[in-house]
N, C-alpha and C. Protein backbone atom coordinates (compact mmCIF):
# COMPACT_ATOMS: atom_id res chain seq x y z
N MET A 1 -58.81 54.95 20.66
CA MET A 1 -57.65 55.63 20.21
C MET A 1 -56.65 54.70 19.53
N PRO A 2 -56.50 53.49 20.05
CA PRO A 2 -55.55 52.63 19.36
C PRO A 2 -55.97 52.34 17.94
N ARG A 3 -57.25 52.26 17.67
CA ARG A 3 -57.69 51.97 16.30
C ARG A 3 -57.39 53.15 15.39
N ILE A 4 -57.49 54.35 15.86
CA ILE A 4 -57.24 55.53 15.04
C ILE A 4 -55.76 55.57 14.65
N VAL A 5 -54.88 55.30 15.61
CA VAL A 5 -53.44 55.29 15.34
C VAL A 5 -53.12 54.16 14.38
N SER A 6 -53.72 53.03 14.62
CA SER A 6 -53.48 51.88 13.77
C SER A 6 -53.96 52.15 12.36
N ASN A 7 -55.13 52.73 12.22
CA ASN A 7 -55.67 53.03 10.89
C ASN A 7 -54.85 54.10 10.18
N THR A 8 -54.26 55.00 10.89
CA THR A 8 -53.46 56.06 10.29
C THR A 8 -52.04 55.57 9.98
N VAL A 9 -51.43 54.85 10.89
CA VAL A 9 -50.03 54.43 10.76
C VAL A 9 -49.90 53.27 9.77
N GLN A 10 -50.81 52.36 9.78
CA GLN A 10 -50.69 51.16 8.93
C GLN A 10 -50.63 51.52 7.44
N PRO A 11 -51.51 52.34 6.90
CA PRO A 11 -51.39 52.68 5.47
C PRO A 11 -50.10 53.43 5.17
N ALA A 12 -49.66 54.27 6.08
CA ALA A 12 -48.42 55.02 5.84
C ALA A 12 -47.23 54.05 5.79
N LEU A 13 -47.23 53.10 6.70
CA LEU A 13 -46.14 52.10 6.70
C LEU A 13 -46.20 51.23 5.45
N GLU A 14 -47.39 50.84 5.04
CA GLU A 14 -47.51 50.01 3.85
C GLU A 14 -47.03 50.76 2.62
N ARG A 15 -47.39 52.05 2.50
CA ARG A 15 -46.97 52.86 1.36
C ARG A 15 -45.46 53.02 1.36
N MET A 16 -44.86 53.28 2.52
CA MET A 16 -43.42 53.44 2.62
C MET A 16 -42.71 52.14 2.26
N LEU A 17 -43.23 51.00 2.73
CA LEU A 17 -42.63 49.72 2.41
C LEU A 17 -42.74 49.42 0.92
N GLN A 18 -43.88 49.74 0.32
CA GLN A 18 -44.04 49.51 -1.12
C GLN A 18 -43.08 50.38 -1.91
N ASP A 19 -42.93 51.63 -1.50
CA ASP A 19 -42.00 52.53 -2.20
C ASP A 19 -40.57 52.00 -2.11
N LYS A 20 -40.15 51.58 -0.93
CA LYS A 20 -38.78 51.07 -0.74
C LYS A 20 -38.58 49.77 -1.51
N LEU A 21 -39.61 48.92 -1.53
CA LEU A 21 -39.50 47.67 -2.30
C LEU A 21 -39.34 47.97 -3.78
N GLN A 22 -40.12 48.94 -4.27
CA GLN A 22 -40.04 49.26 -5.69
C GLN A 22 -38.76 50.01 -6.03
N GLN A 23 -38.24 50.78 -5.11
CA GLN A 23 -37.03 51.57 -5.37
C GLN A 23 -35.75 50.74 -5.19
N LEU A 24 -35.70 49.86 -4.20
CA LEU A 24 -34.45 49.18 -3.88
C LEU A 24 -34.45 47.68 -4.20
N VAL A 25 -35.43 46.97 -3.69
CA VAL A 25 -35.40 45.52 -3.76
C VAL A 25 -35.70 45.01 -5.16
N LEU A 26 -36.75 45.53 -5.79
CA LEU A 26 -37.12 45.03 -7.11
C LEU A 26 -36.04 45.30 -8.17
N PRO A 27 -35.41 46.48 -8.21
CA PRO A 27 -34.33 46.68 -9.20
C PRO A 27 -33.13 45.75 -8.93
N ALA A 28 -32.79 45.56 -7.66
CA ALA A 28 -31.67 44.66 -7.34
C ALA A 28 -32.01 43.24 -7.73
N LEU A 29 -33.23 42.82 -7.48
CA LEU A 29 -33.66 41.48 -7.84
C LEU A 29 -33.68 41.30 -9.35
N ALA A 30 -34.10 42.31 -10.07
CA ALA A 30 -34.15 42.23 -11.53
C ALA A 30 -32.74 42.15 -12.12
N SER A 31 -31.84 42.98 -11.62
CA SER A 31 -30.47 42.95 -12.16
C SER A 31 -29.77 41.64 -11.82
N THR A 32 -30.02 41.12 -10.65
CA THR A 32 -29.42 39.84 -10.27
C THR A 32 -29.95 38.71 -11.12
N SER A 33 -31.24 38.71 -11.38
CA SER A 33 -31.82 37.65 -12.20
C SER A 33 -31.32 37.76 -13.64
N GLU A 34 -31.13 38.99 -14.17
CA GLU A 34 -30.58 39.16 -15.52
C GLU A 34 -29.15 38.62 -15.59
N ARG A 35 -28.33 38.95 -14.60
CA ARG A 35 -26.95 38.44 -14.58
C ARG A 35 -26.92 36.92 -14.47
N LEU A 36 -27.79 36.37 -13.67
CA LEU A 36 -27.85 34.92 -13.52
C LEU A 36 -28.28 34.27 -14.83
N ALA A 37 -29.26 34.86 -15.52
CA ALA A 37 -29.69 34.33 -16.80
C ALA A 37 -28.57 34.41 -17.83
N ASP A 38 -27.83 35.53 -17.86
CA ASP A 38 -26.70 35.68 -18.79
C ASP A 38 -25.61 34.64 -18.49
N GLN A 39 -25.33 34.45 -17.21
CA GLN A 39 -24.28 33.48 -16.83
C GLN A 39 -24.70 32.06 -17.22
N ILE A 40 -25.93 31.69 -16.98
CA ILE A 40 -26.42 30.36 -17.35
C ILE A 40 -26.37 30.19 -18.86
N SER A 41 -26.75 31.23 -19.60
CA SER A 41 -26.72 31.17 -21.06
C SER A 41 -25.30 30.98 -21.57
N ASN A 42 -24.34 31.72 -21.00
CA ASN A 42 -22.93 31.58 -21.40
C ASN A 42 -22.39 30.19 -21.08
N ASP A 43 -22.70 29.69 -19.89
CA ASP A 43 -22.26 28.34 -19.51
C ASP A 43 -22.84 27.29 -20.45
N PHE A 44 -24.11 27.45 -20.79
CA PHE A 44 -24.77 26.50 -21.68
C PHE A 44 -24.11 26.53 -23.06
N LYS A 45 -23.82 27.73 -23.58
CA LYS A 45 -23.18 27.85 -24.90
C LYS A 45 -21.79 27.20 -24.89
N SER A 46 -20.99 27.43 -23.83
CA SER A 46 -19.65 26.84 -23.79
C SER A 46 -19.72 25.32 -23.68
N GLU A 47 -20.68 24.79 -22.96
CA GLU A 47 -20.84 23.34 -22.88
C GLU A 47 -21.24 22.76 -24.23
N MET A 48 -22.12 23.46 -24.97
CA MET A 48 -22.53 22.99 -26.30
C MET A 48 -21.34 22.98 -27.26
N VAL A 49 -20.50 24.01 -27.19
CA VAL A 49 -19.31 24.06 -28.04
C VAL A 49 -18.38 22.89 -27.69
N GLN A 50 -18.21 22.61 -26.41
CA GLN A 50 -17.34 21.50 -25.99
C GLN A 50 -17.90 20.15 -26.46
N ILE A 51 -19.20 19.98 -26.40
CA ILE A 51 -19.82 18.73 -26.86
C ILE A 51 -19.62 18.57 -28.36
N ARG A 52 -19.74 19.67 -29.12
CA ARG A 52 -19.49 19.60 -30.57
C ARG A 52 -18.06 19.19 -30.85
N LYS A 53 -17.12 19.74 -30.09
CA LYS A 53 -15.70 19.38 -30.30
C LYS A 53 -15.47 17.90 -30.00
N ASP A 54 -16.15 17.39 -28.98
CA ASP A 54 -15.99 15.99 -28.62
C ASP A 54 -16.51 15.05 -29.70
N PHE A 55 -17.56 15.48 -30.41
CA PHE A 55 -18.17 14.60 -31.40
C PHE A 55 -17.68 14.84 -32.83
N GLN A 56 -16.75 15.75 -33.03
CA GLN A 56 -16.22 15.97 -34.37
C GLN A 56 -15.27 14.84 -34.74
N PRO A 57 -15.30 14.42 -36.01
CA PRO A 57 -14.39 13.35 -36.42
C PRO A 57 -12.95 13.84 -36.38
N PRO A 58 -12.00 12.93 -36.13
CA PRO A 58 -10.60 13.35 -36.07
C PRO A 58 -10.13 13.85 -37.44
N ALA A 59 -9.10 14.62 -37.40
CA ALA A 59 -8.52 15.16 -38.64
C ALA A 59 -8.00 14.01 -39.49
N PRO A 60 -8.00 14.15 -40.79
CA PRO A 60 -7.52 13.06 -41.64
C PRO A 60 -6.07 12.72 -41.33
N ALA A 61 -5.78 11.42 -41.35
CA ALA A 61 -4.44 10.94 -41.01
C ALA A 61 -3.45 11.32 -42.10
N ILE A 62 -2.28 11.71 -41.67
CA ILE A 62 -1.21 12.04 -42.59
C ILE A 62 -0.49 10.75 -42.94
N ASP A 63 -0.05 10.62 -44.14
CA ASP A 63 0.63 9.41 -44.59
C ASP A 63 2.01 9.34 -43.95
N ASN A 64 2.15 8.44 -42.99
CA ASN A 64 3.41 8.26 -42.27
C ASN A 64 4.15 7.02 -42.73
N SER A 65 3.84 6.53 -43.89
CA SER A 65 4.45 5.27 -44.33
C SER A 65 5.96 5.40 -44.47
N ARG A 66 6.46 6.54 -44.90
CA ARG A 66 7.92 6.72 -45.05
C ARG A 66 8.59 6.72 -43.68
N VAL A 67 7.99 7.38 -42.70
CA VAL A 67 8.54 7.41 -41.34
C VAL A 67 8.54 6.01 -40.74
N ILE A 68 7.45 5.29 -40.95
CA ILE A 68 7.35 3.92 -40.41
C ILE A 68 8.39 3.03 -41.06
N GLN A 69 8.59 3.18 -42.37
CA GLN A 69 9.58 2.36 -43.08
C GLN A 69 10.97 2.65 -42.54
N THR A 70 11.28 3.89 -42.27
CA THR A 70 12.60 4.26 -41.72
C THR A 70 12.79 3.64 -40.34
N LEU A 71 11.75 3.67 -39.52
CA LEU A 71 11.85 3.08 -38.18
C LEU A 71 12.04 1.57 -38.26
N VAL A 72 11.34 0.91 -39.17
CA VAL A 72 11.48 -0.55 -39.33
C VAL A 72 12.91 -0.89 -39.74
N GLU A 73 13.47 -0.12 -40.66
CA GLU A 73 14.85 -0.36 -41.10
C GLU A 73 15.83 -0.15 -39.95
N ALA A 74 15.62 0.89 -39.15
CA ALA A 74 16.52 1.17 -38.03
C ALA A 74 16.45 0.05 -36.99
N ILE A 75 15.25 -0.46 -36.72
CA ILE A 75 15.09 -1.54 -35.73
C ILE A 75 15.74 -2.82 -36.23
N SER A 76 15.57 -3.15 -37.50
CA SER A 76 16.20 -4.37 -38.01
C SER A 76 17.72 -4.24 -37.99
N GLY A 77 18.24 -3.05 -38.25
CA GLY A 77 19.69 -2.84 -38.16
C GLY A 77 20.19 -3.02 -36.74
N LEU A 78 19.45 -2.50 -35.79
CA LEU A 78 19.83 -2.67 -34.38
C LEU A 78 19.78 -4.13 -33.95
N GLN A 79 18.78 -4.86 -34.43
CA GLN A 79 18.70 -6.29 -34.09
C GLN A 79 19.91 -7.05 -34.61
N LYS A 80 20.35 -6.73 -35.82
CA LYS A 80 21.54 -7.39 -36.38
C LYS A 80 22.77 -7.07 -35.56
N LYS A 81 22.91 -5.82 -35.11
CA LYS A 81 24.07 -5.44 -34.29
C LYS A 81 24.05 -6.17 -32.96
N VAL A 82 22.86 -6.32 -32.37
CA VAL A 82 22.76 -7.03 -31.09
C VAL A 82 23.15 -8.49 -31.27
N GLU A 83 22.71 -9.11 -32.35
CA GLU A 83 23.08 -10.51 -32.61
C GLU A 83 24.58 -10.66 -32.78
N LEU A 84 25.21 -9.73 -33.52
CA LEU A 84 26.66 -9.79 -33.71
C LEU A 84 27.40 -9.61 -32.39
N LEU A 85 26.93 -8.66 -31.58
CA LEU A 85 27.59 -8.44 -30.29
C LEU A 85 27.43 -9.64 -29.36
N SER A 86 26.26 -10.26 -29.37
CA SER A 86 26.06 -11.41 -28.48
C SER A 86 26.90 -12.59 -28.93
N LEU A 87 27.11 -12.75 -30.24
CA LEU A 87 27.98 -13.83 -30.72
C LEU A 87 29.44 -13.54 -30.43
N ALA A 88 29.84 -12.26 -30.56
CA ALA A 88 31.24 -11.91 -30.36
C ALA A 88 31.63 -11.96 -28.89
N LYS A 89 30.74 -11.62 -28.06
CA LYS A 89 31.04 -11.57 -26.62
C LYS A 89 30.84 -12.97 -26.04
N ALA A 90 31.88 -13.50 -25.49
CA ALA A 90 31.78 -14.83 -24.88
C ALA A 90 31.04 -14.72 -23.56
N ALA A 91 30.24 -15.70 -23.31
CA ALA A 91 29.49 -15.72 -22.05
C ALA A 91 30.46 -15.85 -20.90
N PRO A 92 30.25 -15.11 -19.83
CA PRO A 92 31.18 -15.22 -18.69
C PRO A 92 31.09 -16.61 -18.09
N PRO A 93 32.23 -17.10 -17.60
CA PRO A 93 32.20 -18.44 -17.00
C PRO A 93 31.32 -18.46 -15.76
N ALA A 94 30.67 -19.56 -15.58
CA ALA A 94 29.79 -19.71 -14.42
C ALA A 94 30.64 -19.75 -13.16
N PRO A 95 30.16 -19.14 -12.09
CA PRO A 95 30.95 -19.18 -10.86
C PRO A 95 31.05 -20.62 -10.36
N PRO A 96 32.17 -20.94 -9.76
CA PRO A 96 32.33 -22.32 -9.27
C PRO A 96 31.30 -22.63 -8.20
N VAL A 97 30.78 -23.82 -8.27
CA VAL A 97 29.80 -24.25 -7.30
C VAL A 97 30.53 -24.65 -6.03
N GLN A 98 30.14 -24.00 -4.96
CA GLN A 98 30.78 -24.31 -3.69
C GLN A 98 30.00 -25.42 -3.00
N ALA A 99 30.75 -26.38 -2.57
CA ALA A 99 30.12 -27.46 -1.83
C ALA A 99 29.69 -26.93 -0.47
N PRO A 100 28.55 -27.37 0.02
CA PRO A 100 28.13 -26.90 1.34
C PRO A 100 29.15 -27.29 2.40
N VAL A 101 29.32 -26.36 3.31
CA VAL A 101 30.26 -26.59 4.40
C VAL A 101 29.68 -27.67 5.31
N VAL A 102 30.46 -28.69 5.53
CA VAL A 102 30.02 -29.77 6.39
C VAL A 102 30.53 -29.49 7.78
N VAL A 103 29.61 -29.32 8.68
CA VAL A 103 29.96 -29.07 10.07
C VAL A 103 29.57 -30.33 10.84
N THR A 104 30.50 -30.83 11.54
CA THR A 104 30.21 -32.05 12.29
C THR A 104 29.44 -31.71 13.55
N ASN A 105 28.65 -32.63 13.96
CA ASN A 105 27.84 -32.47 15.15
C ASN A 105 28.79 -32.48 16.35
N PRO A 106 28.86 -31.36 17.10
CA PRO A 106 29.78 -31.31 18.23
C PRO A 106 29.34 -32.20 19.40
N LEU A 107 28.10 -32.64 19.38
CA LEU A 107 27.59 -33.41 20.51
C LEU A 107 27.69 -34.91 20.29
N GLY A 108 27.74 -35.34 19.04
CA GLY A 108 27.89 -36.76 18.75
C GLY A 108 26.59 -37.55 18.77
N PHE A 109 25.42 -36.91 18.83
CA PHE A 109 24.16 -37.64 18.77
C PHE A 109 23.17 -36.86 17.89
N ASP A 110 22.09 -37.54 17.51
CA ASP A 110 21.12 -36.94 16.59
C ASP A 110 20.26 -35.91 17.34
N LEU A 111 20.43 -34.65 16.96
CA LEU A 111 19.70 -33.57 17.64
C LEU A 111 18.20 -33.61 17.32
N GLU A 112 17.85 -34.07 16.14
CA GLU A 112 16.44 -34.15 15.75
C GLU A 112 15.68 -35.05 16.73
N ASP A 113 16.28 -36.17 17.09
CA ASP A 113 15.63 -37.10 18.03
C ASP A 113 15.50 -36.47 19.42
N VAL A 114 16.54 -35.78 19.86
CA VAL A 114 16.52 -35.16 21.19
C VAL A 114 15.42 -34.09 21.24
N PHE A 115 15.36 -33.26 20.22
CA PHE A 115 14.36 -32.20 20.20
C PHE A 115 12.95 -32.77 20.09
N THR A 116 12.76 -33.76 19.24
CA THR A 116 11.46 -34.37 19.08
C THR A 116 10.98 -35.02 20.38
N GLN A 117 11.90 -35.69 21.08
CA GLN A 117 11.54 -36.33 22.34
C GLN A 117 11.14 -35.27 23.38
N ALA A 118 11.89 -34.16 23.44
CA ALA A 118 11.57 -33.11 24.41
C ALA A 118 10.23 -32.44 24.07
N LEU A 119 9.96 -32.30 22.80
CA LEU A 119 8.71 -31.67 22.40
C LEU A 119 7.51 -32.58 22.65
N SER A 120 7.73 -33.87 22.74
CA SER A 120 6.61 -34.80 22.97
C SER A 120 6.20 -34.86 24.44
N ILE A 121 7.01 -34.32 25.33
CA ILE A 121 6.69 -34.32 26.75
C ILE A 121 5.82 -33.11 27.06
N PRO A 122 4.63 -33.31 27.65
CA PRO A 122 3.76 -32.17 27.95
C PRO A 122 4.33 -31.33 29.09
N GLY A 123 3.97 -30.06 29.07
CA GLY A 123 4.38 -29.14 30.13
C GLY A 123 5.64 -28.39 29.76
N PRO A 124 5.91 -27.34 30.50
CA PRO A 124 7.04 -26.47 30.14
C PRO A 124 8.40 -26.98 30.62
N GLY A 125 8.44 -27.91 31.53
CA GLY A 125 9.73 -28.33 32.11
C GLY A 125 10.72 -28.85 31.08
N ALA A 126 10.29 -29.79 30.23
CA ALA A 126 11.21 -30.38 29.26
C ALA A 126 11.64 -29.35 28.21
N ILE A 127 10.73 -28.46 27.83
CA ILE A 127 11.05 -27.44 26.83
C ILE A 127 12.09 -26.48 27.37
N PHE A 128 11.88 -25.98 28.60
CA PHE A 128 12.83 -25.04 29.18
C PHE A 128 14.18 -25.71 29.45
N GLN A 129 14.16 -26.97 29.82
CA GLN A 129 15.41 -27.69 30.03
C GLN A 129 16.17 -27.84 28.71
N LEU A 130 15.45 -28.13 27.63
CA LEU A 130 16.05 -28.25 26.30
C LEU A 130 16.69 -26.94 25.88
N VAL A 131 15.97 -25.85 26.05
CA VAL A 131 16.52 -24.54 25.70
C VAL A 131 17.74 -24.23 26.56
N ASN A 132 17.66 -24.53 27.82
CA ASN A 132 18.78 -24.28 28.72
C ASN A 132 20.00 -25.12 28.34
N ASP A 133 19.80 -26.38 27.97
CA ASP A 133 20.92 -27.27 27.63
C ASP A 133 21.60 -26.85 26.33
N PHE A 134 20.83 -26.37 25.34
CA PHE A 134 21.42 -26.08 24.04
C PHE A 134 21.56 -24.58 23.76
N TRP A 135 21.46 -23.78 24.79
CA TRP A 135 21.57 -22.33 24.63
C TRP A 135 22.92 -21.93 24.05
N GLY A 136 23.96 -22.57 24.42
CA GLY A 136 25.32 -22.20 24.00
C GLY A 136 25.63 -22.52 22.55
N ILE A 137 24.88 -23.40 21.90
CA ILE A 137 25.20 -23.73 20.51
C ILE A 137 24.09 -23.25 19.56
N GLY A 138 23.54 -22.10 19.88
CA GLY A 138 22.48 -21.51 19.06
C GLY A 138 22.93 -21.22 17.63
N ALA A 139 24.19 -20.77 17.47
CA ALA A 139 24.70 -20.48 16.13
C ALA A 139 24.83 -21.76 15.30
N TYR A 140 25.09 -22.87 15.95
CA TYR A 140 25.17 -24.14 15.24
C TYR A 140 23.76 -24.64 14.88
N LEU A 141 22.82 -24.46 15.80
CA LEU A 141 21.46 -24.93 15.54
C LEU A 141 20.73 -24.09 14.50
N LEU A 142 20.99 -22.80 14.47
CA LEU A 142 20.35 -21.89 13.52
C LEU A 142 21.43 -21.14 12.74
N PRO A 143 22.03 -21.76 11.74
CA PRO A 143 23.11 -21.11 10.99
C PRO A 143 22.59 -19.93 10.18
N MET A 144 23.41 -18.90 10.07
CA MET A 144 23.02 -17.70 9.36
C MET A 144 23.55 -17.66 7.93
N THR A 145 24.32 -18.65 7.51
CA THR A 145 24.85 -18.67 6.15
C THR A 145 23.99 -19.59 5.29
N PRO A 146 23.78 -19.21 4.02
CA PRO A 146 22.90 -20.01 3.17
C PRO A 146 23.52 -21.34 2.73
N ASP A 147 24.82 -21.51 2.90
CA ASP A 147 25.45 -22.74 2.42
C ASP A 147 25.43 -23.86 3.46
N ARG A 148 24.85 -23.61 4.61
CA ARG A 148 24.83 -24.63 5.66
C ARG A 148 23.40 -24.84 6.14
N LYS A 149 22.99 -26.09 6.17
CA LYS A 149 21.65 -26.44 6.64
C LYS A 149 21.68 -26.67 8.15
N PRO A 150 20.61 -26.34 8.83
CA PRO A 150 20.59 -26.60 10.28
C PRO A 150 20.47 -28.10 10.54
N PRO A 151 20.99 -28.55 11.68
CA PRO A 151 20.95 -29.98 12.00
C PRO A 151 19.56 -30.44 12.43
N VAL A 152 18.65 -29.52 12.65
CA VAL A 152 17.30 -29.83 13.07
C VAL A 152 16.35 -29.31 12.00
N SER A 153 15.31 -30.06 11.69
CA SER A 153 14.38 -29.66 10.63
C SER A 153 13.64 -28.38 11.01
N GLN A 154 13.14 -27.70 9.98
CA GLN A 154 12.41 -26.45 10.18
C GLN A 154 11.14 -26.68 11.00
N ALA A 155 10.48 -27.79 10.80
CA ALA A 155 9.26 -28.08 11.55
C ALA A 155 9.55 -28.19 13.04
N VAL A 156 10.65 -28.81 13.39
CA VAL A 156 11.01 -28.95 14.80
C VAL A 156 11.36 -27.58 15.39
N ILE A 157 12.09 -26.75 14.64
CA ILE A 157 12.48 -25.43 15.14
C ILE A 157 11.23 -24.55 15.34
N VAL A 158 10.31 -24.57 14.38
CA VAL A 158 9.09 -23.76 14.51
C VAL A 158 8.24 -24.24 15.68
N THR A 159 8.14 -25.56 15.85
CA THR A 159 7.36 -26.10 16.97
C THR A 159 8.00 -25.70 18.29
N LEU A 160 9.33 -25.77 18.37
CA LEU A 160 10.04 -25.38 19.59
C LEU A 160 9.78 -23.90 19.90
N LEU A 161 9.91 -23.04 18.91
CA LEU A 161 9.68 -21.61 19.14
C LEU A 161 8.24 -21.34 19.57
N HIS A 162 7.31 -22.05 18.98
CA HIS A 162 5.91 -21.87 19.34
C HIS A 162 5.67 -22.30 20.79
N ARG A 163 6.20 -23.45 21.17
CA ARG A 163 5.99 -23.94 22.54
C ARG A 163 6.67 -23.03 23.56
N VAL A 164 7.88 -22.58 23.26
CA VAL A 164 8.59 -21.69 24.19
C VAL A 164 7.80 -20.40 24.37
N SER A 165 7.35 -19.81 23.27
CA SER A 165 6.61 -18.56 23.40
C SER A 165 5.30 -18.76 24.16
N PHE A 166 4.64 -19.89 23.94
CA PHE A 166 3.40 -20.17 24.65
C PHE A 166 3.65 -20.30 26.16
N HIS A 167 4.67 -21.06 26.54
CA HIS A 167 4.93 -21.26 27.96
C HIS A 167 5.44 -19.98 28.62
N VAL A 168 6.21 -19.16 27.90
CA VAL A 168 6.65 -17.89 28.47
C VAL A 168 5.44 -16.98 28.69
N TYR A 169 4.50 -16.99 27.75
CA TYR A 169 3.29 -16.19 27.92
C TYR A 169 2.51 -16.64 29.14
N ILE A 170 2.36 -17.94 29.31
CA ILE A 170 1.63 -18.47 30.47
C ILE A 170 2.33 -18.06 31.76
N LEU A 171 3.65 -18.17 31.80
CA LEU A 171 4.38 -17.79 33.01
C LEU A 171 4.23 -16.30 33.30
N VAL A 172 4.30 -15.48 32.28
CA VAL A 172 4.21 -14.03 32.48
C VAL A 172 2.83 -13.65 32.99
N THR A 173 1.79 -14.29 32.49
CA THR A 173 0.46 -13.94 32.98
C THR A 173 0.24 -14.40 34.41
N GLU A 174 0.95 -15.44 34.85
CA GLU A 174 0.80 -15.91 36.22
C GLU A 174 1.63 -15.10 37.20
N LEU A 175 2.75 -14.56 36.77
CA LEU A 175 3.63 -13.80 37.64
C LEU A 175 3.28 -12.32 37.52
N THR A 176 2.63 -11.77 38.51
CA THR A 176 2.15 -10.40 38.42
C THR A 176 3.29 -9.39 38.52
N PHE A 177 4.36 -9.71 39.22
CA PHE A 177 5.42 -8.74 39.40
C PHE A 177 6.23 -8.51 38.12
N SER A 178 6.23 -9.47 37.19
CA SER A 178 7.04 -9.29 35.99
C SER A 178 6.20 -9.07 34.73
N SER A 179 4.88 -9.08 34.85
CA SER A 179 4.07 -8.95 33.64
C SER A 179 4.22 -7.60 32.96
N PRO A 180 4.32 -6.46 33.66
CA PRO A 180 4.53 -5.20 32.92
C PRO A 180 5.86 -5.21 32.19
N LEU A 181 6.87 -5.79 32.77
CA LEU A 181 8.18 -5.85 32.12
C LEU A 181 8.12 -6.74 30.87
N ALA A 182 7.42 -7.86 30.93
CA ALA A 182 7.35 -8.78 29.80
C ALA A 182 6.49 -8.21 28.69
N LEU A 183 5.47 -7.42 29.02
CA LEU A 183 4.59 -6.86 28.01
C LEU A 183 5.09 -5.54 27.47
N TRP A 184 6.16 -5.00 28.06
CA TRP A 184 6.71 -3.73 27.61
C TRP A 184 7.39 -3.91 26.26
N ASN A 185 7.14 -2.96 25.35
CA ASN A 185 7.74 -3.04 24.00
C ASN A 185 8.96 -2.18 23.93
């Protein structure tokens, strides 16, 4: 019995599927392929037109010699006026040169030698003592005005800052109770 049903139902299903394919799917597929072919053809034509425009020689140049001559005359006239104005206008007087402010050493000894000697001693003790001793005259050691030079060379100041930061880092890593505070931004 299953073969009889299968033999009867299968041809009917195949015929129905063929009819539906021919009625619905094939016309839709044909119209879609026609539209796609038309769209590709239109795109191809517009690209060919654009390529032709790109390869066409430029339009013949218009004779602009009169315009150029007028511009040259105007520029030369302006140059003459600028020369006359620069000759007529006197150059402003140069600002007076200010002599650098001389600040006397409040301590009475060579700070470069003191700092160099402290920096030559290994370990943090001499560095921290140096910073502690000269903490009060920081404005004198690092002047903020361009007309005054510091009493200590830049190399000594940079070395001091480097050593202080290094020793502070070492101390902070060793002291567990203050490390979060020191690393806090």
